[in-house]
C-alpha atoms as a PDB file:
ATOM      1  CA  UNK A   1      44.255 117.974 150.014  1.00  0.00           C
ATOM      2  CA  UNK A   2      41.141 115.993 149.827  1.00  0.00           C
ATOM      3  CA  UNK A   3      40.122 113.925 152.448  1.00  0.00           C
ATOM      4  CA  UNK A   4      41.969 115.808 155.503  1.00  0.00           C
ATOM      5  CA  UNK A   5      40.151 115.982 158.749  1.00  0.00           C
ATOM      6  CA  UNK A   6      40.451 118.242 161.735  1.00  0.00           C
ATOM      7  CA  UNK A   7      40.427 116.129 164.663  1.00  0.00           C
ATOM      8  CA  UNK A   8      40.914 116.358 168.496  1.00  0.00           C
ATOM      9  CA  UNK A   9      42.352 113.280 170.294  1.00  0.00           C
ATOM     10  CA  UNK A  10      41.792 113.212 174.148  1.00  0.00           C
ATOM     11  CA  UNK A  11      44.152 110.582 176.033  1.00  0.00           C
ATOM     12  CA  UNK A  12      45.461 110.044 179.392  1.00  0.00           C
ATOM     13  CA  UNK A  13      49.025 111.257 179.495  1.00  0.00           C
ATOM     14  CA  UNK A  14      51.725 108.295 179.420  1.00  0.00           C
ATOM     15  CA  UNK A  15      52.958 107.329 183.137  1.00  0.00           C
ATOM     16  CA  UNK A  16      56.432 107.660 181.494  1.00  0.00           C
ATOM     17  CA  UNK A  17      56.768 111.178 180.053  1.00  0.00           C
ATOM     18  CA  UNK A  18      58.653 114.366 181.041  1.00  0.00           C
ATOM     19  CA  UNK A  19      54.984 116.556 181.255  1.00  0.00           C
ATOM     20  CA  UNK A  20      54.319 114.645 183.800  1.00  0.00           C
ATOM     21  CA  UNK A  21      57.223 114.278 186.130  1.00  0.00           C
ATOM     22  CA  UNK A  22      57.163 118.661 185.216  1.00  0.00           C
ATOM     23  CA  UNK A  23      53.251 119.713 186.072  1.00  0.00           C
ATOM     24  CA  UNK A  24      53.516 117.345 189.026  1.00  0.00           C
ATOM     25  CA  UNK A  25      54.454 119.713 191.974  1.00  0.00           C
ATOM     26  CA  UNK A  26      53.644 122.960 190.061  1.00  0.00           C
ATOM     27  CA  UNK A  27      50.657 124.392 188.603  1.00  0.00           C
ATOM     28  CA  UNK A  28      52.018 124.902 185.148  1.00  0.00           C
ATOM     29  CA  UNK A  29      50.588 124.508 181.144  1.00  0.00           C
ATOM     30  CA  UNK A  30      52.296 122.912 178.426  1.00  0.00           C
ATOM     31  CA  UNK A  31      51.480 123.133 174.889  1.00  0.00           C
ATOM     32  CA  UNK A  32      53.465 120.801 172.078  1.00  0.00           C
ATOM     33  CA  UNK A  33      53.767 122.957 169.025  1.00  0.00           C
ATOM     34  CA  UNK A  34      55.450 120.632 166.954  1.00  0.00           C
ATOM     35  CA  UNK A  35      56.623 116.891 166.905  1.00  0.00           C
ATOM     36  CA  UNK A  36      58.923 115.402 164.903  1.00  0.00           C
ATOM     37  CA  UNK A  37      60.466 112.432 164.444  1.00  0.00           C
ATOM     38  CA  UNK A  38      64.841 111.629 164.719  1.00  0.00           C
ATOM     39  CA  UNK A  39      66.289 110.119 161.847  1.00  0.00           C
ATOM     40  CA  UNK A  40      68.431 107.086 162.137  1.00  0.00           C
ATOM     41  CA  UNK A  41      66.716 107.263 166.199  1.00  0.00           C
ATOM     42  CA  UNK A  42      64.377 106.014 168.177  1.00  0.00           C
ATOM     43  CA  UNK A  43      62.965 109.255 169.428  1.00  0.00           C
ATOM     44  CA  UNK A  44      61.264 112.958 169.186  1.00  0.00           C
ATOM     45  CA  UNK A  45      62.189 116.321 169.090  1.00  0.00           C
ATOM     46  CA  UNK A  46      59.530 118.628 170.551  1.00  0.00           C
ATOM     47  CA  UNK A  47      58.809 121.976 170.226  1.00  0.00           C
ATOM     48  CA  UNK A  48      57.584 122.949 173.746  1.00  0.00           C
ATOM     49  CA  UNK A  49      55.899 126.151 175.476  1.00  0.00           C
ATOM     50  CA  UNK A  50      55.453 125.986 178.633  1.00  0.00           C
ATOM     51  CA  UNK A  51      53.633 128.536 181.199  1.00  0.00           C
ATOM     52  CA  UNK A  52      53.792 129.602 184.589  1.00  0.00           C
ATOM     53  CA  UNK A  53      54.455 132.079 187.233  1.00  0.00           C
ATOM     54  CA  UNK A  54      56.744 134.308 186.098  1.00  0.00           C
ATOM     55  CA  UNK A  55      58.758 133.788 189.179  1.00  0.00           C
ATOM     56  CA  UNK A  56      58.892 129.956 188.543  1.00  0.00           C
ATOM     57  CA  UNK A  57      60.228 130.293 185.191  1.00  0.00           C
ATOM     58  CA  UNK A  58      63.989 129.396 186.276  1.00  0.00           C
ATOM     59  CA  UNK A  59      63.052 126.968 188.772  1.00  0.00           C
ATOM     60  CA  UNK A  60      61.043 124.906 185.118  1.00  0.00           C
ATOM     61  CA  UNK A  61      64.073 125.147 183.316  1.00  0.00           C
ATOM     62  CA  UNK A  62      66.280 123.801 186.293  1.00  0.00           C
ATOM     63  CA  UNK A  63      63.778 120.932 186.042  1.00  0.00           C
ATOM     64  CA  UNK A  64      63.766 120.368 182.736  1.00  0.00           C
ATOM     65  CA  UNK A  65      67.506 119.870 183.001  1.00  0.00           C
ATOM     66  CA  UNK A  66      67.586 117.337 185.385  1.00  0.00           C
ATOM     67  CA  UNK A  67      64.675 115.072 183.863  1.00  0.00           C
ATOM     68  CA  UNK A  68      65.630 111.784 182.516  1.00  0.00           C
ATOM     69  CA  UNK A  69      63.035 111.434 179.919  1.00  0.00           C
ATOM     70  CA  UNK A  70      65.446 114.794 178.075  1.00  0.00           C
ATOM     71  CA  UNK A  71      68.183 115.173 176.611  1.00  0.00           C
ATOM     72  CA  UNK A  72      69.654 118.144 174.112  1.00  0.00           C
ATOM     73  CA  UNK A  73      67.410 120.491 175.865  1.00  0.00           C
ATOM     74  CA  UNK A  74      67.419 124.180 174.210  1.00  0.00           C
ATOM     75  CA  UNK A  75      65.666 126.851 175.648  1.00  0.00           C
ATOM     76  CA  UNK A  76      64.747 129.262 172.915  1.00  0.00           C
ATOM     77  CA  UNK A  77      62.618 131.693 174.870  1.00  0.00           C
ATOM     78  CA  UNK A  78      61.753 132.602 178.441  1.00  0.00           C
ATOM     79  CA  UNK A  79      59.953 135.739 179.380  1.00  0.00           C
ATOM     80  CA  UNK A  80      59.194 136.782 183.114  1.00  0.00           C
ATOM     81  CA  UNK A  81      56.842 139.047 182.893  1.00  0.00           C
ATOM     82  CA  UNK A  82      54.080 136.457 181.114  1.00  0.00           C
ATOM     83  CA  UNK A  83      56.245 133.197 182.790  1.00  0.00           C
ATOM     84  CA  UNK A  84      56.604 131.847 179.362  1.00  0.00           C
ATOM     85  CA  UNK A  85      59.137 129.088 178.395  1.00  0.00           C
ATOM     86  CA  UNK A  86      59.860 128.243 174.501  1.00  0.00           C
ATOM     87  CA  UNK A  87      62.574 125.513 173.852  1.00  0.00           C
ATOM     88  CA  UNK A  88      63.088 122.155 172.289  1.00  0.00           C
ATOM     89  CA  UNK A  89      64.061 118.966 173.672  1.00  0.00           C
ATOM     90  CA  UNK A  90      64.841 115.641 172.148  1.00  0.00           C
ATOM     91  CA  UNK A  91      63.339 112.424 174.203  1.00  0.00           C
ATOM     92  CA  UNK A  92      62.294 108.266 173.635  1.00  0.00           C
ATOM     93  CA  UNK A  93      59.883 108.230 176.543  1.00  0.00           C
ATOM     94  CA  UNK A  94      56.825 109.014 173.846  1.00  0.00           C
ATOM     95  CA  UNK A  95      55.223 105.973 173.025  1.00  0.00           C
ATOM     96  CA  UNK A  96      52.054 107.672 171.629  1.00  0.00           C
ATOM     97  CA  UNK A  97      52.974 110.721 169.767  1.00  0.00           C
ATOM     98  CA  UNK A  98      55.445 109.354 167.969  1.00  0.00           C
ATOM     99  CA  UNK A  99      53.048 106.881 165.464  1.00  0.00           C
ATOM    100  CA  UNK A 100      51.584 110.757 164.690  1.00  0.00           C
ATOM    101  CA  UNK A 101      55.203 111.779 163.201  1.00  0.00           C
ATOM    102  CA  UNK A 102      55.640 107.920 161.266  1.00  0.00           C
ATOM    103  CA  UNK A 103      52.053 108.640 159.091  1.00  0.00           C
ATOM    104  CA  UNK A 104      53.229 110.504 155.914  1.00  0.00           C
ATOM    105  CA  UNK A 105      50.000 112.754 155.515  1.00  0.00           C
ATOM    106  CA  UNK A 106      49.179 113.683 159.528  1.00  0.00           C
ATOM    107  CA  UNK A 107      50.331 117.419 160.829  1.00  0.00           C
ATOM    108  CA  UNK A 108      50.461 118.255 164.314  1.00  0.00           C
ATOM    109  CA  UNK A 109      48.469 121.424 165.012  1.00  0.00           C
ATOM    110  CA  UNK A 110      49.315 121.099 169.080  1.00  0.00           C
ATOM    111  CA  UNK A 111      48.956 118.970 172.191  1.00  0.00           C
ATOM    112  CA  UNK A 112      47.356 120.723 175.573  1.00  0.00           C
ATOM    113  CA  UNK A 113      48.222 118.891 178.454  1.00  0.00           C
ATOM    114  CA  UNK A 114      45.238 119.260 181.415  1.00  0.00           C
ATOM    115  CA  UNK A 115      46.450 119.523 184.573  1.00  0.00           C
ATOM    116  CA  UNK A 116      43.072 118.969 186.220  1.00  0.00           C
ATOM    117  CA  UNK A 117      42.238 115.500 184.518  1.00  0.00           C
ATOM    118  CA  UNK A 118      45.896 114.239 183.526  1.00  0.00           C
ATOM    119  CA  UNK A 119      44.729 114.080 179.791  1.00  0.00           C
ATOM    120  CA  UNK A 120      46.487 115.086 176.902  1.00  0.00           C
ATOM    121  CA  UNK A 121      44.445 116.920 174.096  1.00  0.00           C
ATOM    122  CA  UNK A 122      46.096 116.791 170.361  1.00  0.00           C
ATOM    123  CA  UNK A 123      44.683 118.260 167.571  1.00  0.00           C
ATOM    124  CA  UNK A 124      45.525 116.815 163.976  1.00  0.00           C
ATOM    125  CA  UNK A 125      45.180 117.556 160.435  1.00  0.00           C
ATOM    126  CA  UNK A 126      45.443 113.913 158.816  1.00  0.00           C
ATOM    127  CA  UNK A 127      43.911 112.040 155.725  1.00  0.00           C
ATOM    128  CA  UNK A 128      40.693 109.882 156.584  1.00  0.00           C
ATOM    129  CA  UNK A 129      43.231 106.861 155.856  1.00  0.00           C
ATOM    130  CA  UNK A 130      45.876 107.801 158.249  1.00  0.00           C
ATOM    131  CA  UNK A 131      43.048 108.504 161.094  1.00  0.00           C
ATOM    132  CA  UNK A 132      42.127 104.578 160.541  1.00  0.00           C
ATOM    133  CA  UNK A 133      46.053 103.658 160.543  1.00  0.00           C
ATOM    134  CA  UNK A 134      46.243 105.726 163.662  1.00  0.00           C
ATOM    135  CA  UNK A 135      43.160 104.608 165.840  1.00  0.00           C
ATOM    136  CA  UNK A 136      44.043 100.999 164.975  1.00  0.00           C
ATOM    137  CA  UNK A 137      47.542 101.451 166.206  1.00  0.00           C
ATOM    138  CA  UNK A 138      46.300 103.053 169.541  1.00  0.00           C
ATOM    139  CA  UNK A 139      43.445 100.052 169.467  1.00  0.00           C
ATOM    140  CA  UNK A 140      46.618  97.263 169.517  1.00  0.00           C
ATOM    141  CA  UNK A 141      48.637  99.551 172.427  1.00  0.00           C
ATOM    142  CA  UNK A 142      45.551  99.743 174.614  1.00  0.00           C
ATOM    143  CA  UNK A 143      45.481 103.190 174.924  1.00  0.00           C
ATOM    144  CA  UNK A 144      41.999 104.643 175.548  1.00  0.00           C
ATOM    145  CA  UNK A 145      41.013 107.913 173.693  1.00  0.00           C
ATOM    146  CA  UNK A 146      37.824 110.370 172.724  1.00  0.00           C
ATOM    147  CA  UNK A 147      37.555 111.839 169.271  1.00  0.00           C
ATOM    148  CA  UNK A 148      36.223 115.088 170.979  1.00  0.00           C
ATOM    149  CA  UNK A 149      36.030 117.232 167.816  1.00  0.00           C
ATOM    150  CA  UNK A 150      36.174 116.316 164.348  1.00  0.00           C
ATOM    151  CA  UNK A 151      35.449 117.851 160.922  1.00  0.00           C
ATOM    152  CA  UNK A 152      36.823 118.646 157.334  1.00  0.00           C
ATOM    153  CA  UNK A 153      39.440 120.569 156.436  1.00  0.00           C
ATOM    154  CA  UNK A 154      38.352 123.277 153.677  1.00  0.00           C
ATOM    155  CA  UNK A 155      41.047 123.584 151.589  1.00  0.00           C
ATOM    156  CA  UNK A 156      40.712 126.568 148.326  1.00  0.00           C
ATOM    157  CA  UNK A 157      42.804 126.180 145.622  1.00  0.00           C
ATOM    158  CA  UNK A 158      44.091 129.906 146.110  1.00  0.00           C
ATOM    159  CA  UNK A 159      44.955 129.550 149.796  1.00  0.00           C
ATOM    160  CA  UNK A 160      48.167 127.926 151.421  1.00  0.00           C
ATOM    161  CA  UNK A 161      48.974 124.653 151.400  1.00  0.00           C
ATOM    162  CA  UNK A 162      48.834 122.284 154.421  1.00  0.00           C
ATOM    163  CA  UNK A 163      52.693 122.427 154.240  1.00  0.00           C
ATOM    164  CA  UNK A 164      52.863 125.941 153.561  1.00  0.00           C
ATOM    165  CA  UNK A 165      49.861 126.952 156.364  1.00  0.00           C
ATOM    166  CA  UNK A 166      51.345 124.740 159.234  1.00  0.00           C
ATOM    167  CA  UNK A 167      55.681 126.284 158.729  1.00  0.00           C
ATOM    168  CA  UNK A 168      54.371 129.770 158.493  1.00  0.00           C
ATOM    169  CA  UNK A 169      51.914 129.389 161.650  1.00  0.00           C
ATOM    170  CA  UNK A 170      54.686 127.859 163.460  1.00  0.00           C
ATOM    171  CA  UNK A 171      57.313 130.065 162.532  1.00  0.00           C
ATOM    172  CA  UNK A 172      54.635 133.201 163.829  1.00  0.00           C
ATOM    173  CA  UNK A 173      54.106 131.467 166.839  1.00  0.00           C
ATOM    174  CA  UNK A 174      58.323 131.059 167.521  1.00  0.00           C
ATOM    175  CA  UNK A 175      58.650 134.914 166.815  1.00  0.00           C
ATOM    176  CA  UNK A 176      60.243 134.532 163.498  1.00  0.00           C
ATOM    177  CA  UNK A 177      58.848 137.767 162.388  1.00  0.00           C
ATOM    178  CA  UNK A 178      59.202 139.418 165.358  1.00  0.00           C
ATOM    179  CA  UNK A 179      61.373 142.406 165.343  1.00  0.00           C
ATOM    180  CA  UNK A 180      63.973 141.687 166.709  1.00  0.00           C
ATOM    181  CA  UNK A 181      63.744 137.564 165.893  1.00  0.00           C
ATOM    182  CA  UNK A 182      62.979 135.330 168.418  1.00  0.00           C
ATOM    183  CA  UNK A 183      64.383 132.147 166.183  1.00  0.00           C
ATOM    184  CA  UNK A 184      66.813 132.024 163.305  1.00  0.00           C
ATOM    185  CA  UNK A 185      66.204 130.416 160.229  1.00  0.00           C
ATOM    186  CA  UNK A 186      68.770 128.310 160.953  1.00  0.00           C
ATOM    187  CA  UNK A 187      67.154 126.960 163.792  1.00  0.00           C
ATOM    188  CA  UNK A 188      63.280 127.066 162.192  1.00  0.00           C
ATOM    189  CA  UNK A 189      64.760 124.513 160.058  1.00  0.00           C
ATOM    190  CA  UNK A 190      66.857 122.634 162.289  1.00  0.00           C
ATOM    191  CA  UNK A 191      63.295 121.834 164.043  1.00  0.00           C
ATOM    192  CA  UNK A 192      61.127 121.202 161.260  1.00  0.00           C
ATOM    193  CA  UNK A 193      64.360 118.624 159.508  1.00  0.00           C
ATOM    194  CA  UNK A 194      64.328 120.730 155.980  1.00  0.00           C
ATOM    195  CA  UNK A 195      67.008 122.965 154.675  1.00  0.00           C
ATOM    196  CA  UNK A 196      66.908 126.328 155.333  1.00  0.00           C
ATOM    197  CA  UNK A 197      66.666 127.139 151.508  1.00  0.00           C
ATOM    198  CA  UNK A 198      63.614 125.038 151.118  1.00  0.00           C
ATOM    199  CA  UNK A 199      62.172 126.639 154.322  1.00  0.00           C
ATOM    200  CA  UNK A 200      63.250 130.258 153.287  1.00  0.00           C
ATOM    201  CA  UNK A 201      61.179 129.243 150.029  1.00  0.00           C
ATOM    202  CA  UNK A 202      58.101 127.833 151.788  1.00  0.00           C
ATOM    203  CA  UNK A 203      58.043 130.910 154.072  1.00  0.00           C
ATOM    204  CA  UNK A 204      58.280 133.205 150.938  1.00  0.00           C
ATOM    205  CA  UNK A 205      55.363 131.400 149.081  1.00  0.00           C
ATOM    206  CA  UNK A 206      53.512 131.202 152.166  1.00  0.00           C
ATOM    207  CA  UNK A 207      53.577 135.040 152.885  1.00  0.00           C
ATOM    208  CA  UNK A 208      52.906 135.846 149.203  1.00  0.00           C
ATOM    209  CA  UNK A 209      49.782 134.067 149.272  1.00  0.00           C
ATOM    210  CA  UNK A 210      49.167 135.889 152.597  1.00  0.00           C
ATOM    211  CA  UNK A 211      49.966 139.469 151.061  1.00  0.00           C
ATOM    212  CA  UNK A 212      47.969 138.943 148.388  1.00  0.00           C
ATOM    213  CA  UNK A 213      44.540 137.334 149.282  1.00  0.00           C
ATOM    214  CA  UNK A 214      45.009 140.488 151.785  1.00  0.00           C
ATOM    215  CA  UNK A 215      45.047 142.737 149.123  1.00  0.00           C
ATOM    216  CA  UNK A 216      42.594 141.179 146.977  1.00  0.00           C
ATOM    217  CA  UNK A 217      40.280 141.722 149.803  1.00  0.00           C
ATOM    218  CA  UNK A 218      40.707 144.840 150.264  1.00  0.00           C
ATOM    219  CA  UNK A 219      40.347 145.541 146.523  1.00  0.00           C
ATOM    220  CA  UNK A 220      37.055 144.137 146.624  1.00  0.00           C
ATOM    221  CA  UNK A 221      36.154 146.254 149.831  1.00  0.00           C
ATOM    222  CA  UNK A 222      36.881 149.150 147.779  1.00  0.00           C
ATOM    223  CA  UNK A 223      34.122 148.571 144.603  1.00  0.00           C
END
């Protein structure tokens, strides 16, 4: 897609967010892996990853369950050894992130919350036009932001499309390719808001390109 930019935006955490409540008492690393609008509702569904000390896993899950900003919480995976929690939730208390989901050609790479300074770093892939719209919206909302990084997105004709790359990467991060699988195709399709057959086809085409690229590189090295 021409004119795409890879951008990292830094902003202060909003005062009414589930992340602020969760990190207020415990040493955590919170990352939003994906964020989608909820059709017909004023809210978003977020795919999150929390890293903490192993002994705190159940404590953090209980805090999530009691958080008034959260509903429809589902824990997809918890690893006591690594201190990781992965799950999905819905929230209406995210005035900032919902603007990303409404832009037609904006893809969320991840959102990392920094404990030490109260900032969130949004990694985005979007068009020049959407970037202008987003900056204008933040200005109207009175949200102060800084563009930490910005670079042109290099896309080659034979490489994955932006959509394929984002979906295959998310499936990998969520453990879809693990043995045993940590997330089902059906659940992944619900998170992404697309049908199971469509997701299956996107993954199949994406993996075909990845495998094709791999063997072409191996073949060139042997010449």
